[in-house]
PDB file of N, CA and C in Angstrom:
ATOM      1  N   MET A   1     -45.289  30.840 -31.623  1.00  0.00           N
ATOM      2  CA  MET A   1     -44.018  30.470 -31.023  1.00  0.00           C
ATOM      3  C   MET A   1     -43.787  31.353 -29.796  1.00  0.00           C
ATOM      4  N   ASP A   2     -43.486  30.729 -28.671  1.00  0.00           N
ATOM      5  CA  ASP A   2     -43.243  31.464 -27.429  1.00  0.00           C
ATOM      6  C   ASP A   2     -41.742  31.672 -27.272  1.00  0.00           C
ATOM      7  N   PHE A   3     -41.323  32.914 -27.521  1.00  0.00           N
ATOM      8  CA  PHE A   3     -39.883  33.220 -27.483  1.00  0.00           C
ATOM      9  C   PHE A   3     -39.296  33.061 -26.078  1.00  0.00           C
ATOM     10  N   GLN A   4     -40.097  33.299 -25.073  1.00  0.00           N
ATOM     11  CA  GLN A   4     -39.607  33.141 -23.691  1.00  0.00           C
ATOM     12  C   GLN A   4     -39.208  31.687 -23.427  1.00  0.00           C
ATOM     13  N   ASN A   5     -40.035  30.745 -23.894  1.00  0.00           N
ATOM     14  CA  ASN A   5     -39.721  29.320 -23.706  1.00  0.00           C
ATOM     15  C   ASN A   5     -38.498  28.919 -24.524  1.00  0.00           C
ATOM     16  N   VAL A   6     -38.389  29.427 -25.721  1.00  0.00           N
ATOM     17  CA  VAL A   6     -37.245  29.122 -26.574  1.00  0.00           C
ATOM     18  C   VAL A   6     -35.959  29.647 -25.936  1.00  0.00           C
ATOM     19  N   ILE A   7     -36.014  30.870 -25.431  1.00  0.00           N
ATOM     20  CA  ILE A   7     -34.850  31.464 -24.761  1.00  0.00           C
ATOM     21  C   ILE A   7     -34.485  30.654 -23.527  1.00  0.00           C
ATOM     22  N   LYS A   8     -35.494  30.234 -22.756  1.00  0.00           N
ATOM     23  CA  LYS A   8     -35.244  29.431 -21.543  1.00  0.00           C
ATOM     24  C   LYS A   8     -34.606  28.087 -21.917  1.00  0.00           C
ATOM     25  N   GLU A   9     -35.108  27.440 -22.970  1.00  0.00           N
ATOM     26  CA  GLU A   9     -34.523  26.171 -23.412  1.00  0.00           C
ATOM     27  C   GLU A   9     -33.075  26.355 -23.863  1.00  0.00           C
ATOM     28  N   LEU A  10     -32.827  27.443 -24.577  1.00  0.00           N
ATOM     29  CA  LEU A  10     -31.459  27.725 -25.016  1.00  0.00           C
ATOM     30  C   LEU A  10     -30.530  27.969 -23.828  1.00  0.00           C
ATOM     31  N   GLN A  11     -31.025  28.670 -22.830  1.00  0.00           N
ATOM     32  CA  GLN A  11     -30.230  28.907 -21.628  1.00  0.00           C
ATOM     33  C   GLN A  11     -29.936  27.596 -20.901  1.00  0.00           C
ATOM     34  N   ASN A  12     -30.949  26.749 -20.792  1.00  0.00           N
ATOM     35  CA  ASN A  12     -30.754  25.445 -20.151  1.00  0.00           C
ATOM     36  C   ASN A  12     -29.750  24.598 -20.935  1.00  0.00           C
ATOM     37  N   THR A  13     -29.877  24.655 -22.250  1.00  0.00           N
ATOM     38  CA  THR A  13     -28.942  23.915 -23.106  1.00  0.00           C
ATOM     39  C   THR A  13     -27.527  24.437 -22.916  1.00  0.00           C
ATOM     40  N   LEU A  14     -27.391  25.739 -22.814  1.00  0.00           N
ATOM     41  CA  LEU A  14     -26.071  26.343 -22.612  1.00  0.00           C
ATOM     42  C   LEU A  14     -25.471  25.907 -21.273  1.00  0.00           C
ATOM     43  N   VAL A  15     -26.301  25.811 -20.251  1.00  0.00           N
ATOM     44  CA  VAL A  15     -25.827  25.353 -18.932  1.00  0.00           C
ATOM     45  C   VAL A  15     -25.344  23.909 -19.034  1.00  0.00           C
ATOM     46  N   VAL A  16     -26.111  23.079 -19.736  1.00  0.00           N
ATOM     47  CA  VAL A  16     -25.733  21.674 -19.886  1.00  0.00           C
ATOM     48  C   VAL A  16     -24.434  21.556 -20.677  1.00  0.00           C
ATOM     49  N   VAL A  17     -24.322  22.282 -21.778  1.00  0.00           N
ATOM     50  CA  VAL A  17     -23.103  22.240 -22.601  1.00  0.00           C
ATOM     51  C   VAL A  17     -21.909  22.728 -21.791  1.00  0.00           C
ATOM     52  N   SER A  18     -22.118  23.757 -21.025  1.00  0.00           N
ATOM     53  CA  SER A  18     -21.046  24.297 -20.186  1.00  0.00           C
ATOM     54  C   SER A  18     -20.571  23.257 -19.161  1.00  0.00           C
ATOM     55  N   GLU A  19     -21.516  22.548 -18.558  1.00  0.00           N
ATOM     56  CA  GLU A  19     -21.163  21.503 -17.579  1.00  0.00           C
ATOM     57  C   GLU A  19     -20.431  20.349 -18.265  1.00  0.00           C
ATOM     58  N   ILE A  20     -20.871  19.991 -19.447  1.00  0.00           N
ATOM     59  CA  ILE A  20     -20.188  18.926 -20.196  1.00  0.00           C
ATOM     60  C   ILE A  20     -18.752  19.340 -20.500  1.00  0.00           C
ATOM     61  N   GLN A  21     -18.555  20.571 -20.909  1.00  0.00           N
ATOM     62  CA  GLN A  21     -17.203  21.059 -21.200  1.00  0.00           C
ATOM     63  C   GLN A  21     -16.329  21.058 -19.944  1.00  0.00           C
ATOM     64  N   ARG A  22     -16.920  21.449 -18.819  1.00  0.00           N
ATOM     65  CA  ARG A  22     -16.158  21.457 -17.560  1.00  0.00           C
ATOM     66  C   ARG A  22     -15.730  20.045 -17.183  1.00  0.00           C
ATOM     67  N   ARG A  23     -16.663  19.102 -17.293  1.00  0.00           N
ATOM     68  CA  ARG A  23     -16.336  17.712 -16.956  1.00  0.00           C
ATOM     69  C   ARG A  23     -15.300  17.133 -17.917  1.00  0.00           C
ATOM     70  N   GLN A  24     -15.440  17.473 -19.198  1.00  0.00           N
ATOM     71  CA  GLN A  24     -14.479  16.988 -20.191  1.00  0.00           C
ATOM     72  C   GLN A  24     -13.083  17.530 -19.898  1.00  0.00           C
ATOM     73  N   ALA A  25     -13.001  18.788 -19.509  1.00  0.00           N
ATOM     74  CA  ALA A  25     -11.705  19.375 -19.157  1.00  0.00           C
ATOM     75  C   ALA A  25     -11.114  18.660 -17.940  1.00  0.00           C
ATOM     76  N   GLU A  26     -11.965  18.322 -16.977  1.00  0.00           N
ATOM     77  CA  GLU A  26     -11.511  17.598 -15.783  1.00  0.00           C
ATOM     78  C   GLU A  26     -10.986  16.208 -16.160  1.00  0.00           C
ATOM     79  N   VAL A  27     -11.703  15.526 -17.036  1.00  0.00           N
ATOM     80  CA  VAL A  27     -11.276  14.196 -17.494  1.00  0.00           C
ATOM     81  C   VAL A  27      -9.937  14.288 -18.215  1.00  0.00           C
ATOM     82  N   GLN A  28      -9.784  15.295 -19.066  1.00  0.00           N
ATOM     83  CA  GLN A  28      -8.521  15.464 -19.789  1.00  0.00           C
ATOM     84  C   GLN A  28      -7.370  15.739 -18.837  1.00  0.00           C
ATOM     85  N   LYS A  29      -7.647  16.511 -17.788  1.00  0.00           N
ATOM     86  CA  LYS A  29      -6.620  16.778 -16.778  1.00  0.00           C
ATOM     87  C   LYS A  29      -6.197  15.486 -16.084  1.00  0.00           C
ATOM     88  N   LEU A  30      -7.185  14.666 -15.716  1.00  0.00           N
ATOM     89  CA  LEU A  30      -6.892  13.384 -15.066  1.00  0.00           C
ATOM     90  C   LEU A  30      -6.128  12.454 -16.003  1.00  0.00           C
ATOM     91  N   GLN A  31      -6.504  12.451 -17.275  1.00  0.00           N
ATOM     92  CA  GLN A  31      -5.805  11.605 -18.241  1.00  0.00           C
ATOM     93  C   GLN A  31      -4.348  12.043 -18.388  1.00  0.00           C
ATOM     94  N   ALA A  32      -4.117  13.340 -18.419  1.00  0.00           N
ATOM     95  CA  ALA A  32      -2.751  13.849 -18.526  1.00  0.00           C
ATOM     96  C   ALA A  32      -1.950  13.456 -17.284  1.00  0.00           C
ATOM     97  N   TYR A  33      -2.578  13.556 -16.108  1.00  0.00           N
ATOM     98  CA  TYR A  33      -1.906  13.172 -14.870  1.00  0.00           C
ATOM     99  C   TYR A  33      -1.572  11.675 -14.889  1.00  0.00           C
ATOM    100  N   ASP A  34      -2.554  10.866 -15.313  1.00  0.00           N
ATOM    101  CA  ASP A  34      -2.323   9.422 -15.382  1.00  0.00           C
ATOM    102  C   ASP A  34      -1.216   9.094 -16.369  1.00  0.00           C
ATOM    103  N   MET A  35      -1.185   9.784 -17.490  1.00  0.00           N
ATOM    104  CA  MET A  35      -0.157   9.536 -18.498  1.00  0.00           C
ATOM    105  C   MET A  35       1.223   9.891 -17.942  1.00  0.00           C
ATOM    106  N   ASP A  36       1.322  10.991 -17.218  1.00  0.00           N
ATOM    107  CA  ASP A  36       2.591  11.361 -16.600  1.00  0.00           C
ATOM    108  C   ASP A  36       3.029  10.303 -15.585  1.00  0.00           C
ATOM    109  N   ALA A  37       2.072   9.815 -14.805  1.00  0.00           N
ATOM    110  CA  ALA A  37       2.388   8.777 -13.816  1.00  0.00           C
ATOM    111  C   ALA A  37       2.851   7.505 -14.511  1.00  0.00           C
ATOM    112  N   LEU A  38       2.204   7.133 -15.617  1.00  0.00           N
ATOM    113  CA  LEU A  38       2.617   5.937 -16.362  1.00  0.00           C
ATOM    114  C   LEU A  38       4.012   6.104 -16.946  1.00  0.00           C
ATOM    115  N   ARG A  39       4.289   7.289 -17.485  1.00  0.00           N
ATOM    116  CA  ARG A  39       5.634   7.540 -18.035  1.00  0.00           C
ATOM    117  C   ARG A  39       6.697   7.403 -16.948  1.00  0.00           C
ATOM    118  N   GLU A  40       6.397   7.942 -15.766  1.00  0.00           N
ATOM    119  CA  GLU A  40       7.352   7.861 -14.661  1.00  0.00           C
ATOM    120  C   GLU A  40       7.559   6.408 -14.227  1.00  0.00           C
ATOM    121  N   MET A  41       6.464   5.644 -14.152  1.00  0.00           N
ATOM    122  CA  MET A  41       6.585   4.226 -13.790  1.00  0.00           C
ATOM    123  C   MET A  41       7.398   3.480 -14.840  1.00  0.00           C
ATOM    124  N   PHE A  42       7.185   3.798 -16.103  1.00  0.00           N
ATOM    125  CA  PHE A  42       7.924   3.150 -17.184  1.00  0.00           C
ATOM    126  C   PHE A  42       9.410   3.476 -17.083  1.00  0.00           C
ATOM    127  N   ARG A  43       9.731   4.765 -16.824  1.00  0.00           N
ATOM    128  CA  ARG A  43      11.141   5.155 -16.679  1.00  0.00           C
ATOM    129  C   ARG A  43      11.786   4.419 -15.509  1.00  0.00           C
ATOM    130  N   ASP A  44      11.069   4.345 -14.383  1.00  0.00           N
ATOM    131  CA  ASP A  44      11.594   3.644 -13.211  1.00  0.00           C
ATOM    132  C   ASP A  44      11.789   2.162 -13.520  1.00  0.00           C
ATOM    133  N   GLY A  45      10.829   1.574 -14.219  1.00  0.00           N
ATOM    134  CA  GLY A  45      10.932   0.166 -14.583  1.00  0.00           C
ATOM    135  C   GLY A  45      12.095  -0.086 -15.522  1.00  0.00           C
ATOM    136  N   MET A  46      12.303   0.821 -16.469  1.00  0.00           N
ATOM    137  CA  MET A  46      13.419   0.671 -17.405  1.00  0.00           C
ATOM    138  C   MET A  46      14.751   0.800 -16.673  1.00  0.00           C
ATOM    139  N   LYS A  47      14.818   1.727 -15.725  1.00  0.00           N
ATOM    140  CA  LYS A  47      16.058   1.905 -14.953  1.00  0.00           C
ATOM    141  C   LYS A  47      16.358   0.634 -14.162  1.00  0.00           C
ATOM    142  N   ALA A  48      15.344   0.073 -13.519  1.00  0.00           N
ATOM    143  CA  ALA A  48      15.533  -1.150 -12.751  1.00  0.00           C
ATOM    144  C   ALA A  48      15.931  -2.294 -13.673  1.00  0.00           C
ATOM    145  N   HIS A  49      15.312  -2.357 -14.852  1.00  0.00           N
ATOM    146  CA  HIS A  49      15.652  -3.410 -15.820  1.00  0.00           C
ATOM    147  C   HIS A  49      17.111  -3.276 -16.265  1.00  0.00           C
ATOM    148  N   GLU A  50      17.531  -2.059 -16.561  1.00  0.00           N
ATOM    149  CA  GLU A  50      18.914  -1.835 -16.986  1.00  0.00           C
ATOM    150  C   GLU A  50      19.897  -2.228 -15.877  1.00  0.00           C
ATOM    151  N   GLU A  51      19.543  -1.929 -14.628  1.00  0.00           N
ATOM    152  CA  GLU A  51      20.410  -2.309 -13.508  1.00  0.00           C
ATOM    153  C   GLU A  51      20.496  -3.834 -13.392  1.00  0.00           C
ATOM    154  N   ARG A  52      19.346  -4.512 -13.531  1.00  0.00           N
ATOM    155  CA  ARG A  52      19.352  -5.981 -13.466  1.00  0.00           C
ATOM    156  C   ARG A  52      20.170  -6.570 -14.610  1.00  0.00           C
ATOM    157  N   MET A  53      20.032  -6.000 -15.795  1.00  0.00           N
ATOM    158  CA  MET A  53      20.768  -6.509 -16.951  1.00  0.00           C
ATOM    159  C   MET A  53      22.275  -6.295 -16.773  1.00  0.00           C
ATOM    160  N   ALA A  54      22.674  -5.151 -16.206  1.00  0.00           N
ATOM    161  CA  ALA A  54      24.090  -4.895 -15.949  1.00  0.00           C
ATOM    162  C   ALA A  54      24.630  -5.913 -14.947  1.00  0.00           C
ATOM    163  N   HIS A  55      23.843  -6.189 -13.893  1.00  0.00           N
ATOM    164  CA  HIS A  55      24.255  -7.173 -12.903  1.00  0.00           C
ATOM    165  C   HIS A  55      24.340  -8.564 -13.543  1.00  0.00           C
ATOM    166  N   PHE A  56      23.364  -8.907 -14.377  1.00  0.00           N
ATOM    167  CA  PHE A  56      23.354 -10.190 -15.064  1.00  0.00           C
ATOM    168  C   PHE A  56      24.581 -10.320 -15.973  1.00  0.00           C
ATOM    169  N   GLU A  57      24.878  -9.258 -16.709  1.00  0.00           N
ATOM    170  CA  GLU A  57      26.040  -9.290 -17.609  1.00  0.00           C
ATOM    171  C   GLU A  57      27.335  -9.478 -16.816  1.00  0.00           C
ATOM    172  N   GLN A  58      27.428  -8.783 -15.685  1.00  0.00           N
ATOM    173  CA  GLN A  58      28.615  -8.939 -14.836  1.00  0.00           C
ATOM    174  C   GLN A  58      28.719 -10.376 -14.323  1.00  0.00           C
ATOM    175  N   SER A  59      27.613 -10.934 -13.894  1.00  0.00           N
ATOM    176  CA  SER A  59      27.616 -12.313 -13.407  1.00  0.00           C
ATOM    177  C   SER A  59      28.011 -13.289 -14.515  1.00  0.00           C
ATOM    178  N   MET A  60      27.512 -13.063 -15.721  1.00  0.00           N
ATOM    179  CA  MET A  60      27.845 -13.932 -16.853  1.00  0.00           C
ATOM    180  C   MET A  60      29.339 -13.819 -17.196  1.00  0.00           C
ATOM    181  N   ASN A  61      29.863 -12.611 -17.143  1.00  0.00           N
ATOM    182  CA  ASN A  61      31.295 -12.428 -17.409  1.00  0.00           C
ATOM    183  C   ASN A  61      32.148 -13.143 -16.360  1.00  0.00           C
ATOM    184  N   GLU A  62      31.739 -13.032 -15.095  1.00  0.00           N
ATOM    185  CA  GLU A  62      32.479 -13.712 -14.029  1.00  0.00           C
ATOM    186  C   GLU A  62      32.405 -15.223 -14.208  1.00  0.00           C
ATOM    187  N   ALA A  63      31.231 -15.733 -14.552  1.00  0.00           N
ATOM    188  CA  ALA A  63      31.072 -17.176 -14.768  1.00  0.00           C
ATOM    189  C   ALA A  63      31.920 -17.621 -15.953  1.00  0.00           C
ATOM    190  N   GLY A  64      31.938 -16.819 -17.008  1.00  0.00           N
ATOM    191  CA  GLY A  64      32.768 -17.141 -18.174  1.00  0.00           C
ATOM    192  C   GLY A  64      34.241 -17.176 -17.823  1.00  0.00           C
ATOM    193  N   ASP A  65      34.687 -16.202 -17.029  1.00  0.00           N
ATOM    194  CA  ASP A  65      36.084 -16.189 -16.599  1.00  0.00           C
ATOM    195  C   ASP A  65      36.420 -17.443 -15.783  1.00  0.00           C
ATOM    196  N   LYS A  66      35.531 -17.825 -14.889  1.00  0.00           N
ATOM    197  CA  LYS A  66      35.768 -19.007 -14.062  1.00  0.00           C
ATOM    198  C   LYS A  66      35.794 -20.277 -14.923  1.00  0.00           C
ATOM    199  N   LEU A  67      34.864 -20.352 -15.875  1.00  0.00           N
ATOM    200  CA  LEU A  67      34.861 -21.519 -16.758  1.00  0.00           C
ATOM    201  C   LEU A  67      36.133 -21.583 -17.597  1.00  0.00           C
ATOM    202  N   ASN A  68      36.571 -20.437 -18.104  1.00  0.00           N
ATOM    203  CA  ASN A  68      37.815 -20.417 -18.877  1.00  0.00           C
ATOM    204  C   ASN A  68      39.001 -20.842 -18.018  1.00  0.00           C
ATOM    205  N   GLY A  69      39.007 -20.388 -16.767  1.00  0.00           N
ATOM    206  CA  GLY A  69      40.080 -20.799 -15.855  1.00  0.00           C
ATOM    207  C   GLY A  69      40.036 -22.291 -15.592  1.00  0.00           C
ATOM    208  N   LEU A  70      38.851 -22.823 -15.379  1.00  0.00           N
ATOM    209  CA  LEU A  70      38.699 -24.256 -15.131  1.00  0.00           C
ATOM    210  C   LEU A  70      39.118 -25.063 -16.352  1.00  0.00           C
ATOM    211  N   ILE A  71      38.715 -24.589 -17.541  1.00  0.00           N
ATOM    212  CA  ILE A  71      39.106 -25.281 -18.771  1.00  0.00           C
ATOM    213  C   ILE A  71      40.629 -25.286 -18.912  1.00  0.00           C
ATOM    214  N   GLY A  72      41.246 -24.150 -18.633  1.00  0.00           N
ATOM    215  CA  GLY A  72      42.705 -24.063 -18.699  1.00  0.00           C
ATOM    216  C   GLY A  72      43.360 -24.992 -17.685  1.00  0.00           C
ATOM    217  N   TYR A  73      42.831 -25.032 -16.477  1.00  0.00           N
ATOM    218  CA  TYR A  73      43.384 -25.902 -15.436  1.00  0.00           C
ATOM    219  C   TYR A  73      43.271 -27.363 -15.851  1.00  0.00           C
ATOM    220  N   LEU A  74      42.075 -27.774 -16.317  1.00  0.00           N
ATOM    221  CA  LEU A  74      41.885 -29.161 -16.726  1.00  0.00           C
ATOM    222  C   LEU A  74      42.738 -29.506 -17.944  1.00  0.00           C
ATOM    223  N   ASP A  75      42.893 -28.560 -18.847  1.00  0.00           N
ATOM    224  CA  ASP A  75      43.740 -28.783 -20.009  1.00  0.00           C
ATOM    225  C   ASP A  75      45.185 -29.004 -19.569  1.00  0.00           C
ATOM    226  N   GLY A  76      45.635 -28.268 -18.551  1.00  0.00           N
ATOM    227  CA  GLY A  76      46.973 -28.435 -18.006  1.00  0.00           C
ATOM    228  C   GLY A  76      47.139 -29.792 -17.350  1.00  0.00           C
ATOM    229  N   LEU A  77      46.099 -30.275 -16.656  1.00  0.00           N
ATOM    230  CA  LEU A  77      46.163 -31.587 -16.036  1.00  0.00           C
ATOM    231  C   LEU A  77      46.282 -32.670 -17.086  1.00  0.00           C
ATOM    232  N   ARG A  78      45.572 -32.521 -18.167  1.00  0.00           N
ATOM    233  CA  ARG A  78      45.602 -33.516 -19.235  1.00  0.00           C
ATOM    234  C   ARG A  78      46.980 -33.574 -19.886  1.00  0.00           C
ATOM    235  N   ARG A  79      47.609 -32.453 -20.034  1.00  0.00           N
ATOM    236  CA  ARG A  79      48.925 -32.400 -20.659  1.00  0.00           C
ATOM    237  C   ARG A  79      50.003 -33.015 -19.773  1.00  0.00           C
ATOM    238  N   ASP A  80      49.793 -32.913 -18.454  1.00  0.00           N
ATOM    239  CA  ASP A  80      50.775 -33.459 -17.525  1.00  0.00           C
ATOM    240  C   ASP A  80      50.718 -34.974 -17.463  1.00  0.00           C
ATOM    241  N   LYS A  81      49.602 -35.578 -17.814  1.00  0.00           N
ATOM    242  CA  LYS A  81      49.441 -37.031 -17.784  1.00  0.00           C
ATOM    243  C   LYS A  81      50.150 -37.663 -18.962  1.00  0.00           C
ATOM    244  N   PRO A  82      50.923 -38.693 -18.712  1.00  0.00           N
ATOM    245  CA  PRO A  82      51.499 -39.408 -19.860  1.00  0.00           C
ATOM    246  C   PRO A  82      50.433 -40.268 -20.496  1.00  0.00           C
ATOM    247  N   GLU A  83      50.424 -40.296 -21.791  1.00  0.00           N
ATOM    248  CA  GLU A  83      49.395 -41.084 -22.481  1.00  0.00           C
ATOM    249  C   GLU A  83      49.882 -42.427 -22.877  1.00  0.00           C
TER     250      GLU A  83
END
């Protein structure tokens, strides 16, 4: 058994493992960054959705008020007519 070759192979293996760990750490960093970006996009999207829903609710309330007014007006016209 040639110990010099075994030591050299172990050193080469250590270099490879070290590079794999470095790349894995880089990938994890990128994944964390991407996850933060996705969370921010989701928060922004939810805020925009809530604003649209508030506007929609306001529009529906206004339409309901107008319909109620129209119903009341037409009901008044019907009552004024002799049958």
